[in-house]
């Protein structure tokens, strides 16, 4: 069993060590996780790449996916809706000869 909070902590710690990022915070509002990033001289493209790269490193060895959606940005603050989730797919064969059976992958 994995604890998603440990993955979040690992992700935020890795992301905050990226050059050009001064502060990273995350919090849940109405059950939706938001990522607040304060930057120092990093462009938007490099920021998106850093989020994707560090999310991948935090999820390594786990059956998870990450989704990041930009919400808003100001001069040096970016807000993203970011979540880690387990993919919605079957992980075993039920024996009913389903067309999308895990055996065919």
PDB file of N, CA and C in Angstrom:
ATOM      1  N   UNK A   1       0.839  -1.181   0.000  1.00  0.00           N
ATOM      2  CA  UNK A   1       0.000   0.000   0.000  1.00  0.00           C
ATOM      3  C   UNK A   1       0.886   1.248   0.000  1.00  0.00           C
ATOM      4  N   UNK A   2       0.537   2.213  -0.816  1.00  0.00           N
ATOM      5  CA  UNK A   2       1.334   3.429  -0.886  1.00  0.00           C
ATOM      6  C   UNK A   2       0.600   4.587  -0.226  1.00  0.00           C
ATOM      7  N   UNK A   3       1.372   5.476   0.350  1.00  0.00           N
ATOM      8  CA  UNK A   3       0.803   6.656   0.972  1.00  0.00           C
ATOM      9  C   UNK A   3       1.025   7.828   0.030  1.00  0.00           C
ATOM     10  N   UNK A   4      -0.039   8.396  -0.479  1.00  0.00           N
ATOM     11  CA  UNK A   4       0.054   9.466  -1.473  1.00  0.00           C
ATOM     12  C   UNK A   4       0.693  10.717  -0.880  1.00  0.00           C
ATOM     13  N   UNK A   5       0.566  10.911   0.447  1.00  0.00           N
ATOM     14  CA  UNK A   5       1.202  12.073   1.083  1.00  0.00           C
ATOM     15  C   UNK A   5       2.717  11.995   0.997  1.00  0.00           C
ATOM     16  N   UNK A   6       3.288  10.792   1.089  1.00  0.00           N
ATOM     17  CA  UNK A   6       4.735  10.632   0.944  1.00  0.00           C
ATOM     18  C   UNK A   6       5.183  10.978  -0.473  1.00  0.00           C
ATOM     19  N   UNK A   7       4.374  10.620  -1.449  1.00  0.00           N
ATOM     20  CA  UNK A   7       4.690  10.953  -2.838  1.00  0.00           C
ATOM     21  C   UNK A   7       4.627  12.458  -3.040  1.00  0.00           C
ATOM     22  N   UNK A   8       3.616  13.100  -2.453  1.00  0.00           N
ATOM     23  CA  UNK A   8       3.507  14.558  -2.536  1.00  0.00           C
ATOM     24  C   UNK A   8       4.717  15.231  -1.900  1.00  0.00           C
ATOM     25  N   UNK A   9       5.115  14.769  -0.703  1.00  0.00           N
ATOM     26  CA  UNK A   9       6.270  15.366  -0.017  1.00  0.00           C
ATOM     27  C   UNK A   9       7.537  15.217  -0.849  1.00  0.00           C
ATOM     28  N   UNK A  10       7.738  14.046  -1.415  1.00  0.00           N
ATOM     29  CA  UNK A  10       8.896  13.793  -2.265  1.00  0.00           C
ATOM     30  C   UNK A  10       8.868  14.720  -3.486  1.00  0.00           C
ATOM     31  N   UNK A  11       7.710  14.847  -4.103  1.00  0.00           N
ATOM     32  CA  UNK A  11       7.552  15.691  -5.285  1.00  0.00           C
ATOM     33  C   UNK A  11       7.828  17.159  -4.970  1.00  0.00           C
ATOM     34  N   UNK A  12       7.240  17.678  -3.893  1.00  0.00           N
ATOM     35  CA  UNK A  12       7.426  19.084  -3.522  1.00  0.00           C
ATOM     36  C   UNK A  12       8.885  19.354  -3.156  1.00  0.00           C
ATOM     37  N   UNK A  13       9.513  18.413  -2.447  1.00  0.00           N
ATOM     38  CA  UNK A  13      10.911  18.583  -2.075  1.00  0.00           C
ATOM     39  C   UNK A  13      11.799  18.634  -3.314  1.00  0.00           C
ATOM     40  N   UNK A  14      11.584  17.720  -4.259  1.00  0.00           N
ATOM     41  CA  UNK A  14      12.382  17.713  -5.487  1.00  0.00           C
ATOM     42  C   UNK A  14      12.158  18.991  -6.302  1.00  0.00           C
ATOM     43  N   UNK A  15      10.907  19.403  -6.398  1.00  0.00           N
ATOM     44  CA  UNK A  15      10.570  20.578  -7.201  1.00  0.00           C
ATOM     45  C   UNK A  15      11.155  21.849  -6.589  1.00  0.00           C
ATOM     46  N   UNK A  16      11.177  21.940  -5.270  1.00  0.00           N
ATOM     47  CA  UNK A  16      11.707  23.145  -4.628  1.00  0.00           C
ATOM     48  C   UNK A  16      13.217  23.260  -4.770  1.00  0.00           C
ATOM     49  N   UNK A  17      13.901  22.167  -5.101  1.00  0.00           N
ATOM     50  CA  UNK A  17      15.345  22.200  -5.302  1.00  0.00           C
ATOM     51  C   UNK A  17      15.730  22.549  -6.731  1.00  0.00           C
ATOM     52  N   UNK A  18      14.758  22.774  -7.595  1.00  0.00           N
ATOM     53  CA  UNK A  18      15.013  23.129  -8.985  1.00  0.00           C
ATOM     54  C   UNK A  18      15.488  24.568  -9.077  1.00  0.00           C
ATOM     55  N   UNK A  19      16.504  24.805  -9.917  1.00  0.00           N
ATOM     56  CA  UNK A  19      17.008  26.167 -10.120  1.00  0.00           C
ATOM     57  C   UNK A  19      15.911  27.037 -10.719  1.00  0.00           C
ATOM     58  N   UNK A  20      15.766  28.228 -10.199  1.00  0.00           N
ATOM     59  CA  UNK A  20      14.768  29.167 -10.699  1.00  0.00           C
ATOM     60  C   UNK A  20      13.445  29.124  -9.962  1.00  0.00           C
ATOM     61  N   UNK A  21      13.288  28.162  -9.055  1.00  0.00           N
ATOM     62  CA  UNK A  21      12.060  28.059  -8.257  1.00  0.00           C
ATOM     63  C   UNK A  21      12.414  28.422  -6.823  1.00  0.00           C
ATOM     64  N   UNK A  22      11.738  29.444  -6.292  1.00  0.00           N
ATOM     65  CA  UNK A  22      12.079  29.911  -4.942  1.00  0.00           C
ATOM     66  C   UNK A  22      11.238  29.251  -3.857  1.00  0.00           C
ATOM     67  N   UNK A  23       9.985  28.922  -4.143  1.00  0.00           N
ATOM     68  CA  UNK A  23       9.115  28.354  -3.116  1.00  0.00           C
ATOM     69  C   UNK A  23       8.037  27.496  -3.781  1.00  0.00           C
ATOM     70  N   UNK A  24       7.744  26.348  -3.163  1.00  0.00           N
ATOM     71  CA  UNK A  24       6.685  25.454  -3.646  1.00  0.00           C
ATOM     72  C   UNK A  24       5.810  25.082  -2.460  1.00  0.00           C
ATOM     73  N   UNK A  25       4.495  25.213  -2.623  1.00  0.00           N
ATOM     74  CA  UNK A  25       3.527  24.804  -1.607  1.00  0.00           C
ATOM     75  C   UNK A  25       2.417  24.022  -2.290  1.00  0.00           C
ATOM     76  N   UNK A  26       1.787  23.140  -1.552  1.00  0.00           N
ATOM     77  CA  UNK A  26       0.588  22.471  -2.073  1.00  0.00           C
ATOM     78  C   UNK A  26      -0.438  22.392  -0.957  1.00  0.00           C
ATOM     79  N   UNK A  27      -1.682  22.520  -1.356  1.00  0.00           N
ATOM     80  CA  UNK A  27      -2.772  22.358  -0.392  1.00  0.00           C
ATOM     81  C   UNK A  27      -4.028  21.919  -1.116  1.00  0.00           C
ATOM     82  N   UNK A  28      -4.893  21.261  -0.352  1.00  0.00           N
ATOM     83  CA  UNK A  28      -6.166  20.797  -0.900  1.00  0.00           C
ATOM     84  C   UNK A  28      -7.243  21.800  -0.563  1.00  0.00           C
ATOM     85  N   UNK A  29      -8.007  22.157  -1.576  1.00  0.00           N
ATOM     86  CA  UNK A  29      -9.154  23.030  -1.395  1.00  0.00           C
ATOM     87  C   UNK A  29     -10.351  22.289  -1.972  1.00  0.00           C
ATOM     88  N   UNK A  30     -11.333  21.996  -1.146  1.00  0.00           N
ATOM     89  CA  UNK A  30     -12.518  21.226  -1.531  1.00  0.00           C
ATOM     90  C   UNK A  30     -12.130  19.871  -2.114  1.00  0.00           C
ATOM     91  N   UNK A  31     -11.067  19.271  -1.568  1.00  0.00           N
ATOM     92  CA  UNK A  31     -10.633  17.956  -2.009  1.00  0.00           C
ATOM     93  C   UNK A  31      -9.798  17.953  -3.275  1.00  0.00           C
ATOM     94  N   UNK A  32      -9.518  19.118  -3.848  1.00  0.00           N
ATOM     95  CA  UNK A  32      -8.730  19.219  -5.076  1.00  0.00           C
ATOM     96  C   UNK A  32      -7.350  19.755  -4.724  1.00  0.00           C
ATOM     97  N   UNK A  33      -6.274  19.030  -5.071  1.00  0.00           N
ATOM     98  CA  UNK A  33      -4.930  19.498  -4.725  1.00  0.00           C
ATOM     99  C   UNK A  33      -4.445  20.596  -5.678  1.00  0.00           C
ATOM    100  N   UNK A  34      -3.949  21.685  -5.094  1.00  0.00           N
ATOM    101  CA  UNK A  34      -3.397  22.798  -5.858  1.00  0.00           C
ATOM    102  C   UNK A  34      -1.920  22.953  -5.522  1.00  0.00           C
ATOM    103  N   UNK A  35      -1.150  23.323  -6.519  1.00  0.00           N
ATOM    104  CA  UNK A  35       0.285  23.503  -6.398  1.00  0.00           C
ATOM    105  C   UNK A  35       0.594  24.973  -6.629  1.00  0.00           C
ATOM    106  N   UNK A  36       1.214  25.620  -5.643  1.00  0.00           N
ATOM    107  CA  UNK A  36       1.579  27.037  -5.731  1.00  0.00           C
ATOM    108  C   UNK A  36       3.093  27.120  -5.884  1.00  0.00           C
ATOM    109  N   UNK A  37       3.552  27.715  -6.972  1.00  0.00           N
ATOM    110  CA  UNK A  37       4.981  27.786  -7.256  1.00  0.00           C
ATOM    111  C   UNK A  37       5.376  29.246  -7.436  1.00  0.00           C
ATOM    112  N   UNK A  38       6.378  29.665  -6.680  1.00  0.00           N
ATOM    113  CA  UNK A  38       6.938  31.006  -6.804  1.00  0.00           C
ATOM    114  C   UNK A  38       8.291  30.873  -7.496  1.00  0.00           C
ATOM    115  N   UNK A  39       8.477  31.635  -8.574  1.00  0.00           N
ATOM    116  CA  UNK A  39       9.670  31.464  -9.413  1.00  0.00           C
ATOM    117  C   UNK A  39      10.586  32.680  -9.321  1.00  0.00           C
ATOM    118  N   UNK A  40      11.848  32.421  -9.661  1.00  0.00           N
ATOM    119  CA  UNK A  40      12.871  33.454  -9.772  1.00  0.00           C
ATOM    120  C   UNK A  40      13.586  33.262 -11.104  1.00  0.00           C
ATOM    121  N   UNK A  41      13.075  33.843 -12.150  1.00  0.00           N
ATOM    122  CA  UNK A  41      13.766  33.807 -13.431  1.00  0.00           C
ATOM    123  C   UNK A  41      13.713  32.481 -14.170  1.00  0.00           C
ATOM    124  N   UNK A  42      12.613  31.793 -14.141  1.00  0.00           N
ATOM    125  CA  UNK A  42      12.447  30.570 -14.934  1.00  0.00           C
ATOM    126  C   UNK A  42      11.249  30.801 -15.848  1.00  0.00           C
ATOM    127  N   UNK A  43      11.373  30.401 -17.108  1.00  0.00           N
ATOM    128  CA  UNK A  43      10.260  30.624 -18.034  1.00  0.00           C
ATOM    129  C   UNK A  43       9.217  29.513 -17.890  1.00  0.00           C
ATOM    130  N   UNK A  44       8.066  29.749 -18.464  1.00  0.00           N
ATOM    131  CA  UNK A  44       6.927  28.837 -18.301  1.00  0.00           C
ATOM    132  C   UNK A  44       7.227  27.446 -18.855  1.00  0.00           C
ATOM    133  N   UNK A  45       7.909  27.385 -19.988  1.00  0.00           N
ATOM    134  CA  UNK A  45       8.208  26.087 -20.603  1.00  0.00           C
ATOM    135  C   UNK A  45       9.121  25.248 -19.707  1.00  0.00           C
ATOM    136  N   UNK A  46      10.142  25.866 -19.147  1.00  0.00           N
ATOM    137  CA  UNK A  46      11.046  25.138 -18.245  1.00  0.00           C
ATOM    138  C   UNK A  46      10.340  24.730 -16.968  1.00  0.00           C
ATOM    139  N   UNK A  47       9.398  25.551 -16.504  1.00  0.00           N
ATOM    140  CA  UNK A  47       8.635  25.223 -15.301  1.00  0.00           C
ATOM    141  C   UNK A  47       7.760  23.994 -15.539  1.00  0.00           C
ATOM    142  N   UNK A  48       7.058  23.953 -16.663  1.00  0.00           N
ATOM    143  CA  UNK A  48       6.231  22.792 -16.989  1.00  0.00           C
ATOM    144  C   UNK A  48       7.084  21.530 -17.096  1.00  0.00           C
ATOM    145  N   UNK A  49       8.279  21.659 -17.712  1.00  0.00           N
ATOM    146  CA  UNK A  49       9.177  20.513 -17.832  1.00  0.00           C
ATOM    147  C   UNK A  49       9.645  20.044 -16.448  1.00  0.00           C
ATOM    148  N   UNK A  50       9.973  20.994 -15.560  1.00  0.00           N
ATOM    149  CA  UNK A  50      10.432  20.640 -14.218  1.00  0.00           C
ATOM    150  C   UNK A  50       9.335  19.922 -13.434  1.00  0.00           C
ATOM    151  N   UNK A  51       8.094  20.374 -13.574  1.00  0.00           N
ATOM    152  CA  UNK A  51       6.976  19.710 -12.889  1.00  0.00           C
ATOM    153  C   UNK A  51       6.829  18.279 -13.390  1.00  0.00           C
ATOM    154  N   UNK A  52       6.861  18.113 -14.707  1.00  0.00           N
ATOM    155  CA  UNK A  52       6.698  16.781 -15.304  1.00  0.00           C
ATOM    156  C   UNK A  52       7.844  15.850 -14.905  1.00  0.00           C
ATOM    157  N   UNK A  53       9.074  16.361 -14.953  1.00  0.00           N
ATOM    158  CA  UNK A  53      10.243  15.546 -14.625  1.00  0.00           C
ATOM    159  C   UNK A  53      10.236  15.127 -13.157  1.00  0.00           C
ATOM    160  N   UNK A  54       9.955  16.066 -12.259  1.00  0.00           N
ATOM    161  CA  UNK A  54       9.976  15.746 -10.829  1.00  0.00           C
ATOM    162  C   UNK A  54       8.784  14.894 -10.411  1.00  0.00           C
ATOM    163  N   UNK A  55       7.646  15.043 -11.070  1.00  0.00           N
ATOM    164  CA  UNK A  55       6.511  14.158 -10.798  1.00  0.00           C
ATOM    165  C   UNK A  55       6.862  12.729 -11.203  1.00  0.00           C
ATOM    166  N   UNK A  56       7.531  12.590 -12.340  1.00  0.00           N
ATOM    167  CA  UNK A  56       7.959  11.261 -12.790  1.00  0.00           C
ATOM    168  C   UNK A  56       8.918  10.608 -11.811  1.00  0.00           C
ATOM    169  N   UNK A  57       9.842  11.398 -11.274  1.00  0.00           N
ATOM    170  CA  UNK A  57      10.794  10.849 -10.302  1.00  0.00           C
ATOM    171  C   UNK A  57      10.093  10.475  -8.996  1.00  0.00           C
ATOM    172  N   UNK A  58       9.128  11.269  -8.574  1.00  0.00           N
ATOM    173  CA  UNK A  58       8.405  10.968  -7.333  1.00  0.00           C
ATOM    174  C   UNK A  58       7.539   9.718  -7.479  1.00  0.00           C
ATOM    175  N   UNK A  59       7.050   9.444  -8.689  1.00  0.00           N
ATOM    176  CA  UNK A  59       6.172   8.287  -8.918  1.00  0.00           C
ATOM    177  C   UNK A  59       6.934   7.031  -9.303  1.00  0.00           C
ATOM    178  N   UNK A  60       8.235   7.125  -9.463  1.00  0.00           N
ATOM    179  CA  UNK A  60       9.025   5.987  -9.944  1.00  0.00           C
ATOM    180  C   UNK A  60       8.784   4.745  -9.095  1.00  0.00           C
ATOM    181  N   UNK A  61       8.472   3.648  -9.768  1.00  0.00           N
ATOM    182  CA  UNK A  61       8.225   2.387  -9.087  1.00  0.00           C
ATOM    183  C   UNK A  61       6.796   2.198  -8.605  1.00  0.00           C
ATOM    184  N   UNK A  62       5.933   3.155  -8.876  1.00  0.00           N
ATOM    185  CA  UNK A  62       4.531   3.069  -8.449  1.00  0.00           C
ATOM    186  C   UNK A  62       3.634   3.041  -9.686  1.00  0.00           C
ATOM    187  N   UNK A  63       2.456   2.494  -9.544  1.00  0.00           N
ATOM    188  CA  UNK A  63       1.478   2.515 -10.636  1.00  0.00           C
ATOM    189  C   UNK A  63       0.627   3.760 -10.510  1.00  0.00           C
ATOM    190  N   UNK A  64       1.193   4.902 -10.869  1.00  0.00           N
ATOM    191  CA  UNK A  64       0.508   6.181 -10.764  1.00  0.00           C
ATOM    192  C   UNK A  64       0.672   6.970 -12.056  1.00  0.00           C
ATOM    193  N   UNK A  65      -0.207   7.911 -12.226  1.00  0.00           N
ATOM    194  CA  UNK A  65      -0.101   8.904 -13.287  1.00  0.00           C
ATOM    195  C   UNK A  65      -0.215  10.269 -12.636  1.00  0.00           C
ATOM    196  N   UNK A  66       0.241  11.287 -13.354  1.00  0.00           N
ATOM    197  CA  UNK A  66       0.118  12.654 -12.852  1.00  0.00           C
ATOM    198  C   UNK A  66      -0.594  13.498 -13.895  1.00  0.00           C
ATOM    199  N   UNK A  67      -1.352  14.454 -13.422  1.00  0.00           N
ATOM    200  CA  UNK A  67      -2.048  15.383 -14.300  1.00  0.00           C
ATOM    201  C   UNK A  67      -1.843  16.786 -13.741  1.00  0.00           C
ATOM    202  N   UNK A  68      -1.403  17.709 -14.596  1.00  0.00           N
ATOM    203  CA  UNK A  68      -1.162  19.082 -14.189  1.00  0.00           C
ATOM    204  C   UNK A  68      -1.934  20.012 -15.114  1.00  0.00           C
ATOM    205  N   UNK A  69      -2.756  20.865 -14.531  1.00  0.00           N
ATOM    206  CA  UNK A  69      -3.556  21.813 -15.298  1.00  0.00           C
ATOM    207  C   UNK A  69      -3.271  23.218 -14.766  1.00  0.00           C
ATOM    208  N   UNK A  70      -2.797  24.138 -15.632  1.00  0.00           N
ATOM    209  CA  UNK A  70      -2.569  25.508 -15.159  1.00  0.00           C
ATOM    210  C   UNK A  70      -3.878  26.191 -14.783  1.00  0.00           C
ATOM    211  N   UNK A  71      -3.863  26.912 -13.662  1.00  0.00           N
ATOM    212  CA  UNK A  71      -5.054  27.615 -13.198  1.00  0.00           C
ATOM    213  C   UNK A  71      -4.901  29.111 -13.415  1.00  0.00           C
ATOM    214  N   UNK A  72      -3.802  29.668 -12.892  1.00  0.00           N
ATOM    215  CA  UNK A  72      -3.556  31.099 -13.086  1.00  0.00           C
ATOM    216  C   UNK A  72      -2.076  31.387 -12.864  1.00  0.00           C
ATOM    217  N   UNK A  73      -1.667  32.574 -13.297  1.00  0.00           N
ATOM    218  CA  UNK A  73      -0.293  32.992 -13.060  1.00  0.00           C
ATOM    219  C   UNK A  73      -0.239  34.506 -12.925  1.00  0.00           C
ATOM    220  N   UNK A  74       0.684  34.951 -12.113  1.00  0.00           N
ATOM    221  CA  UNK A  74       0.960  36.373 -12.010  1.00  0.00           C
ATOM    222  C   UNK A  74       2.426  36.558 -12.381  1.00  0.00           C
ATOM    223  N   UNK A  75       3.025  37.629 -11.975  1.00  0.00           N
ATOM    224  CA  UNK A  75       4.391  37.915 -12.385  1.00  0.00           C
ATOM    225  C   UNK A  75       5.373  36.817 -11.981  1.00  0.00           C
ATOM    226  N   UNK A  76       5.327  36.390 -10.725  1.00  0.00           N
ATOM    227  CA  UNK A  76       6.265  35.348 -10.280  1.00  0.00           C
ATOM    228  C   UNK A  76       5.578  34.198  -9.533  1.00  0.00           C
ATOM    229  N   UNK A  77       4.259  34.087  -9.611  1.00  0.00           N
ATOM    230  CA  UNK A  77       3.523  33.011  -8.951  1.00  0.00           C
ATOM    231  C   UNK A  77       2.691  32.248  -9.984  1.00  0.00           C
ATOM    232  N   UNK A  78       2.790  30.936  -9.924  1.00  0.00           N
ATOM    233  CA  UNK A  78       2.001  30.059 -10.783  1.00  0.00           C
ATOM    234  C   UNK A  78       1.163  29.155  -9.898  1.00  0.00           C
ATOM    235  N   UNK A  79      -0.067  28.916 -10.318  1.00  0.00           N
ATOM    236  CA  UNK A  79      -0.955  28.011  -9.591  1.00  0.00           C
ATOM    237  C   UNK A  79      -1.408  26.929 -10.570  1.00  0.00           C
ATOM    238  N   UNK A  80      -1.260  25.672 -10.151  1.00  0.00           N
ATOM    239  CA  UNK A  80      -1.651  24.526 -10.965  1.00  0.00           C
ATOM    240  C   UNK A  80      -2.577  23.632 -10.166  1.00  0.00           C
ATOM    241  N   UNK A  81      -3.502  22.999 -10.865  1.00  0.00           N
ATOM    242  CA  UNK A  81      -4.265  21.894 -10.273  1.00  0.00           C
ATOM    243  C   UNK A  81      -3.455  20.653 -10.629  1.00  0.00           C
ATOM    244  N   UNK A  82      -2.899  20.005  -9.639  1.00  0.00           N
ATOM    245  CA  UNK A  82      -1.997  18.872  -9.883  1.00  0.00           C
ATOM    246  C   UNK A  82      -2.463  17.695  -9.053  1.00  0.00           C
ATOM    247  N   UNK A  83      -2.518  16.534  -9.678  1.00  0.00           N
ATOM    248  CA  UNK A  83      -2.937  15.360  -8.917  1.00  0.00           C
ATOM    249  C   UNK A  83      -2.176  14.129  -9.372  1.00  0.00           C
ATOM    250  N   UNK A  84      -1.987  13.232  -8.441  1.00  0.00           N
ATOM    251  CA  UNK A  84      -1.462  11.896  -8.714  1.00  0.00           C
ATOM    252  C   UNK A  84      -2.647  10.949  -8.615  1.00  0.00           C
ATOM    253  N   UNK A  85      -2.780  10.051  -9.576  1.00  0.00           N
ATOM    254  CA  UNK A  85      -3.920   9.135  -9.531  1.00  0.00           C
ATOM    255  C   UNK A  85      -3.549   7.769 -10.074  1.00  0.00           C
ATOM    256  N   UNK A  86      -4.299   6.778  -9.632  1.00  0.00           N
ATOM    257  CA  UNK A  86      -4.146   5.403 -10.101  1.00  0.00           C
ATOM    258  C   UNK A  86      -4.971   5.268 -11.370  1.00  0.00           C
ATOM    259  N   UNK A  87      -4.402   4.708 -12.431  1.00  0.00           N
ATOM    260  CA  UNK A  87      -5.160   4.582 -13.685  1.00  0.00           C
ATOM    261  C   UNK A  87      -6.383   3.678 -13.522  1.00  0.00           C
ATOM    262  N   UNK A  88      -7.445   4.019 -14.217  1.00  0.00           N
ATOM    263  CA  UNK A  88      -8.678   3.248 -14.167  1.00  0.00           C
ATOM    264  C   UNK A  88      -8.643   2.138 -15.211  1.00  0.00           C
ATOM    265  N   UNK A  89      -7.944   1.082 -14.897  1.00  0.00           N
ATOM    266  CA  UNK A  89      -7.904  -0.056 -15.804  1.00  0.00           C
ATOM    267  C   UNK A  89      -7.883  -1.340 -14.990  1.00  0.00           C
ATOM    268  N   UNK A  90      -8.323  -2.400 -15.620  1.00  0.00           N
ATOM    269  CA  UNK A  90      -8.343  -3.681 -14.942  1.00  0.00           C
ATOM    270  C   UNK A  90      -6.923  -4.163 -14.714  1.00  0.00           C
ATOM    271  N   UNK A  91      -6.692  -4.783 -13.577  1.00  0.00           N
ATOM    272  CA  UNK A  91      -5.364  -5.266 -13.251  1.00  0.00           C
ATOM    273  C   UNK A  91      -5.329  -6.794 -13.150  1.00  0.00           C
ATOM    274  N   UNK A  92      -6.437  -7.450 -13.509  1.00  0.00           N
ATOM    275  CA  UNK A  92      -6.491  -8.905 -13.459  1.00  0.00           C
ATOM    276  C   UNK A  92      -7.506  -9.386 -14.495  1.00  0.00           C
ATOM    277  N   UNK A  93      -7.449 -10.645 -14.847  1.00  0.00           N
ATOM    278  CA  UNK A  93      -8.403 -11.241 -15.779  1.00  0.00           C
ATOM    279  C   UNK A  93      -9.563 -11.817 -14.978  1.00  0.00           C
ATOM    280  N   UNK A  94     -10.788 -11.414 -15.344  1.00  0.00           N
ATOM    281  CA  UNK A  94     -11.974 -11.895 -14.622  1.00  0.00           C
ATOM    282  C   UNK A  94     -12.542 -13.175 -15.251  1.00  0.00           C
ATOM    283  N   UNK A  95     -12.054 -13.550 -16.426  1.00  0.00           N
ATOM    284  CA  UNK A  95     -12.509 -14.780 -17.070  1.00  0.00           C
ATOM    285  C   UNK A  95     -13.748 -14.622 -17.918  1.00  0.00           C
ATOM    286  N   UNK A  96     -14.222 -13.405 -18.159  1.00  0.00           N
ATOM    287  CA  UNK A  96     -15.432 -13.173 -18.948  1.00  0.00           C
ATOM    288  C   UNK A  96     -15.150 -12.879 -20.420  1.00  0.00           C
ATOM    289  N   UNK A  97     -13.915 -13.101 -20.874  1.00  0.00           N
ATOM    290  CA  UNK A  97     -13.510 -12.882 -22.268  1.00  0.00           C
ATOM    291  C   UNK A  97     -13.783 -11.444 -22.724  1.00  0.00           C
ATOM    292  N   UNK A  98     -13.445 -10.474 -21.883  1.00  0.00           N
ATOM    293  CA  UNK A  98     -13.640  -9.053 -22.218  1.00  0.00           C
ATOM    294  C   UNK A  98     -12.724  -8.661 -23.380  1.00  0.00           C
ATOM    295  N   UNK A  99     -13.180  -7.773 -24.266  1.00  0.00           N
ATOM    296  CA  UNK A  99     -12.333  -7.349 -25.391  1.00  0.00           C
ATOM    297  C   UNK A  99     -11.111  -6.532 -24.950  1.00  0.00           C
ATOM    298  N   UNK A 100     -11.189  -5.902 -23.782  1.00  0.00           N
ATOM    299  CA  UNK A 100     -10.066  -5.113 -23.291  1.00  0.00           C
ATOM    300  C   UNK A 100      -9.321  -5.834 -22.156  1.00  0.00           C
ATOM    301  N   UNK A 101      -9.248  -7.154 -22.241  1.00  0.00           N
ATOM    302  CA  UNK A 101      -8.659  -7.967 -21.189  1.00  0.00           C
ATOM    303  C   UNK A 101      -7.186  -7.621 -20.999  1.00  0.00           C
ATOM    304  N   UNK A 102      -6.738  -7.703 -19.765  1.00  0.00           N
ATOM    305  CA  UNK A 102      -5.340  -7.426 -19.416  1.00  0.00           C
ATOM    306  C   UNK A 102      -4.405  -8.444 -20.066  1.00  0.00           C
ATOM    307  N   UNK A 103      -4.929  -9.618 -20.413  1.00  0.00           N
ATOM    308  CA  UNK A 103      -4.092 -10.646 -21.039  1.00  0.00           C
ATOM    309  C   UNK A 103      -3.625 -10.219 -22.433  1.00  0.00           C
ATOM    310  N   UNK A 104      -4.370  -9.340 -23.094  1.00  0.00           N
ATOM    311  CA  UNK A 104      -4.039  -8.953 -24.463  1.00  0.00           C
ATOM    312  C   UNK A 104      -3.020  -7.821 -24.526  1.00  0.00           C
ATOM    313  N   UNK A 105      -2.569  -7.332 -23.396  1.00  0.00           N
ATOM    314  CA  UNK A 105      -1.597  -6.232 -23.396  1.00  0.00           C
ATOM    315  C   UNK A 105      -0.195  -6.731 -23.299  1.00  0.00           C
TER     316      UNK A 105
END
